[in-house]
Structure formats: structure tokens, C-alpha cells
Amino acid sequence: MSATVTPPKPVVVNYPDSDGQPMVDNTVQFRWAGNWSASRR
């Protein structure tokens, strides 16, 4: 007796290019990165 196993189809994830919102203000991002890196020292 033999059984045939069919592999599952790969899941395709659709990542949108943009949601229409800006990613972040560069100044705010810089401050957060600076605070985080200073706290890691």
C-alpha cells in the first residue's frame, strides 16, 4: 500500500509598497537612534 503526499502550496505574502503615510520624521528618528545607542553603552 502506498500513499501519495502532496506538498502544501507556498503562502504568498503581499507587502504593500506604501500605506500613504510618511515613515518618520528624520529628526525624530535620529533622536531615538541616538538615545538608544547611548543607552546601550
PDB file of N, CA and C in Angstrom:
ATOM      1  N   MET A   1       0.852  -1.169   0.000  1.00  0.00           N
ATOM      2  CA  MET A   1       0.000   0.000   0.000  1.00  0.00           C
ATOM      3  C   MET A   1       0.899   1.234   0.000  1.00  0.00           C
ATOM      4  N   SER A   2       0.617   2.174  -0.874  1.00  0.00           N
ATOM      5  CA  SER A   2       1.406   3.408  -0.925  1.00  0.00           C
ATOM      6  C   SER A   2       0.476   4.608  -0.840  1.00  0.00           C
ATOM      7  N   ALA A   3       0.996   5.643  -0.220  1.00  0.00           N
ATOM      8  CA  ALA A   3       0.212   6.865  -0.068  1.00  0.00           C
ATOM      9  C   ALA A   3       0.917   7.989  -0.813  1.00  0.00           C
ATOM     10  N   THR A   4       0.152   8.798  -1.472  1.00  0.00           N
ATOM     11  CA  THR A   4       0.706   9.946  -2.180  1.00  0.00           C
ATOM     12  C   THR A   4       0.501  11.185  -1.319  1.00  0.00           C
ATOM     13  N   VAL A   5       1.610  11.861  -1.071  1.00  0.00           N
ATOM     14  CA  VAL A   5       1.553  13.069  -0.259  1.00  0.00           C
ATOM     15  C   VAL A   5       1.810  14.256  -1.172  1.00  0.00           C
ATOM     16  N   THR A   6       0.893  15.201  -1.157  1.00  0.00           N
ATOM     17  CA  THR A   6       1.081  16.413  -1.956  1.00  0.00           C
ATOM     18  C   THR A   6       1.575  17.524  -1.039  1.00  0.00           C
ATOM     19  N   PRO A   7       2.664  18.176  -1.419  1.00  0.00           N
ATOM     20  CA  PRO A   7       3.188  19.256  -0.572  1.00  0.00           C
ATOM     21  C   PRO A   7       2.240  20.452  -0.565  1.00  0.00           C
ATOM     22  N   PRO A   8       2.199  21.172   0.540  1.00  0.00           N
ATOM     23  CA  PRO A   8       1.313  22.353   0.590  1.00  0.00           C
ATOM     24  C   PRO A   8       1.825  23.447  -0.348  1.00  0.00           C
ATOM     25  N   LYS A   9       0.909  24.230  -0.849  1.00  0.00           N
ATOM     26  CA  LYS A   9       1.287  25.344  -1.713  1.00  0.00           C
ATOM     27  C   LYS A   9       1.939  26.432  -0.862  1.00  0.00           C
ATOM     28  N   PRO A  10       2.984  27.074  -1.396  1.00  0.00           N
ATOM     29  CA  PRO A  10       3.630  28.150  -0.621  1.00  0.00           C
ATOM     30  C   PRO A  10       2.678  29.328  -0.417  1.00  0.00           C
ATOM     31  N   VAL A  11       2.780  29.934   0.738  1.00  0.00           N
ATOM     32  CA  VAL A  11       1.940  31.082   1.060  1.00  0.00           C
ATOM     33  C   VAL A  11       2.587  32.332   0.479  1.00  0.00           C
ATOM     34  N   VAL A  12       1.827  33.081  -0.271  1.00  0.00           N
ATOM     35  CA  VAL A  12       2.323  34.319  -0.856  1.00  0.00           C
ATOM     36  C   VAL A  12       1.880  35.472   0.036  1.00  0.00           C
ATOM     37  N   VAL A  13       2.848  36.237   0.536  1.00  0.00           N
ATOM     38  CA  VAL A  13       2.547  37.376   1.392  1.00  0.00           C
ATOM     39  C   VAL A  13       2.675  38.638   0.560  1.00  0.00           C
ATOM     40  N   ASN A  14       1.647  39.456   0.589  1.00  0.00           N
ATOM     41  CA  ASN A  14       1.645  40.689  -0.185  1.00  0.00           C
ATOM     42  C   ASN A  14       1.994  41.855   0.737  1.00  0.00           C
ATOM     43  N   TYR A  15       3.222  42.360   0.591  1.00  0.00           N
ATOM     44  CA  TYR A  15       3.647  43.522   1.358  1.00  0.00           C
ATOM     45  C   TYR A  15       3.400  44.765   0.516  1.00  0.00           C
ATOM     46  N   PRO A  16       2.577  45.689   0.980  1.00  0.00           N
ATOM     47  CA  PRO A  16       2.303  46.889   0.181  1.00  0.00           C
ATOM     48  C   PRO A  16       3.531  47.782   0.111  1.00  0.00           C
ATOM     49  N   ASP A  17       3.683  48.483  -1.001  1.00  0.00           N
ATOM     50  CA  ASP A  17       4.795  49.412  -1.164  1.00  0.00           C
ATOM     51  C   ASP A  17       4.655  50.594  -0.225  1.00  0.00           C
ATOM     52  N   SER A  18       3.429  51.030   0.006  1.00  0.00           N
ATOM     53  CA  SER A  18       3.218  52.196   0.849  1.00  0.00           C
ATOM     54  C   SER A  18       1.794  52.196   1.363  1.00  0.00           C
ATOM     55  N   ASP A  19       1.616  52.736   2.569  1.00  0.00           N
ATOM     56  CA  ASP A  19       0.270  52.908   3.096  1.00  0.00           C
ATOM     57  C   ASP A  19      -0.167  54.364   2.987  1.00  0.00           C
ATOM     58  N   GLY A  20       0.689  55.182   2.332  1.00  0.00           N
ATOM     59  CA  GLY A  20       0.359  56.581   2.143  1.00  0.00           C
ATOM     60  C   GLY A  20       0.818  57.477   3.274  1.00  0.00           C
ATOM     61  N   GLN A  21       1.382  56.887   4.331  1.00  0.00           N
ATOM     62  CA  GLN A  21       1.845  57.656   5.481  1.00  0.00           C
ATOM     63  C   GLN A  21       3.363  57.808   5.415  1.00  0.00           C
ATOM     64  N   PRO A  22       3.889  58.943   5.872  1.00  0.00           N
ATOM     65  CA  PRO A  22       5.345  59.070   5.915  1.00  0.00           C
ATOM     66  C   PRO A  22       5.923  58.086   6.930  1.00  0.00           C
ATOM     67  N   MET A  23       7.146  57.613   6.675  1.00  0.00           N
ATOM     68  CA  MET A  23       7.742  56.632   7.579  1.00  0.00           C
ATOM     69  C   MET A  23       8.006  57.244   8.948  1.00  0.00           C
ATOM     70  N   VAL A  24       8.727  58.347   8.984  1.00  0.00           N
ATOM     71  CA  VAL A  24       9.013  59.017  10.245  1.00  0.00           C
ATOM     72  C   VAL A  24       9.738  60.318   9.913  1.00  0.00           C
ATOM     73  N   ASP A  25       9.629  61.257  10.805  1.00  0.00           N
ATOM     74  CA  ASP A  25      10.391  62.490  10.661  1.00  0.00           C
ATOM     75  C   ASP A  25      11.853  62.165  10.939  1.00  0.00           C
ATOM     76  N   ASN A  26      12.761  62.571  10.055  1.00  0.00           N
ATOM     77  CA  ASN A  26      14.177  62.234  10.201  1.00  0.00           C
ATOM     78  C   ASN A  26      14.758  62.723  11.521  1.00  0.00           C
ATOM     79  N   THR A  27      14.350  63.892  11.983  1.00  0.00           N
ATOM     80  CA  THR A  27      14.871  64.418  13.243  1.00  0.00           C
ATOM     81  C   THR A  27      14.446  63.535  14.410  1.00  0.00           C
ATOM     82  N   VAL A  28      13.194  63.126  14.423  1.00  0.00           N
ATOM     83  CA  VAL A  28      12.698  62.259  15.498  1.00  0.00           C
ATOM     84  C   VAL A  28      13.423  60.924  15.446  1.00  0.00           C
ATOM     85  N   GLN A  29      13.577  60.369  14.263  1.00  0.00           N
ATOM     86  CA  GLN A  29      14.260  59.089  14.118  1.00  0.00           C
ATOM     87  C   GLN A  29      15.710  59.196  14.602  1.00  0.00           C
ATOM     88  N   PHE A  30      16.392  60.270  14.264  1.00  0.00           N
ATOM     89  CA  PHE A  30      17.772  60.472  14.683  1.00  0.00           C
ATOM     90  C   PHE A  30      17.879  60.560  16.204  1.00  0.00           C
ATOM     91  N   ARG A  31      16.966  61.280  16.823  1.00  0.00           N
ATOM     92  CA  ARG A  31      16.991  61.410  18.285  1.00  0.00           C
ATOM     93  C   ARG A  31      16.770  60.065  18.962  1.00  0.00           C
ATOM     94  N   TRP A  32      15.792  59.280  18.470  1.00  0.00           N
ATOM     95  CA  TRP A  32      15.528  57.969  19.057  1.00  0.00           C
ATOM     96  C   TRP A  32      16.733  57.054  18.890  1.00  0.00           C
ATOM     97  N   ALA A  33      17.339  57.072  17.716  1.00  0.00           N
ATOM     98  CA  ALA A  33      18.509  56.225  17.472  1.00  0.00           C
ATOM     99  C   ALA A  33      19.663  56.654  18.374  1.00  0.00           C
ATOM    100  N   GLY A  34      19.848  57.952  18.544  1.00  0.00           N
ATOM    101  CA  GLY A  34      20.904  58.450  19.408  1.00  0.00           C
ATOM    102  C   GLY A  34      20.666  58.072  20.856  1.00  0.00           C
ATOM    103  N   ASN A  35      19.444  58.205  21.319  1.00  0.00           N
ATOM    104  CA  ASN A  35      19.117  57.832  22.698  1.00  0.00           C
ATOM    105  C   ASN A  35      19.305  56.339  22.924  1.00  0.00           C
ATOM    106  N   TRP A  36      18.892  55.541  21.955  1.00  0.00           N
ATOM    107  CA  TRP A  36      19.012  54.091  22.081  1.00  0.00           C
ATOM    108  C   TRP A  36      20.477  53.682  22.097  1.00  0.00           C
ATOM    109  N   SER A  37      21.280  54.222  21.179  1.00  0.00           N
ATOM    110  CA  SER A  37      22.676  53.813  21.134  1.00  0.00           C
ATOM    111  C   SER A  37      23.437  54.300  22.359  1.00  0.00           C
ATOM    112  N   ALA A  38      23.081  55.468  22.892  1.00  0.00           N
ATOM    113  CA  ALA A  38      23.747  55.962  24.097  1.00  0.00           C
ATOM    114  C   ALA A  38      23.397  55.099  25.301  1.00  0.00           C
ATOM    115  N   SER A  39      22.186  54.583  25.346  1.00  0.00           N
ATOM    116  CA  SER A  39      21.778  53.764  26.479  1.00  0.00           C
ATOM    117  C   SER A  39      22.397  52.358  26.402  1.00  0.00           C
ATOM    118  N   ARG A  40      22.864  51.957  25.228  1.00  0.00           N
ATOM    119  CA  ARG A  40      23.456  50.628  25.050  1.00  0.00           C
ATOM    120  C   ARG A  40      24.925  50.600  25.456  1.00  0.00           C
ATOM    121  N   ARG A  41      25.516  51.734  25.708  1.00  0.00           N
ATOM    122  CA  ARG A  41      26.951  51.795  26.047  1.00  0.00           C
ATOM    123  C   ARG A  41      27.177  51.543  27.500  1.00  0.00           C
TER     124      ARG A  41
END
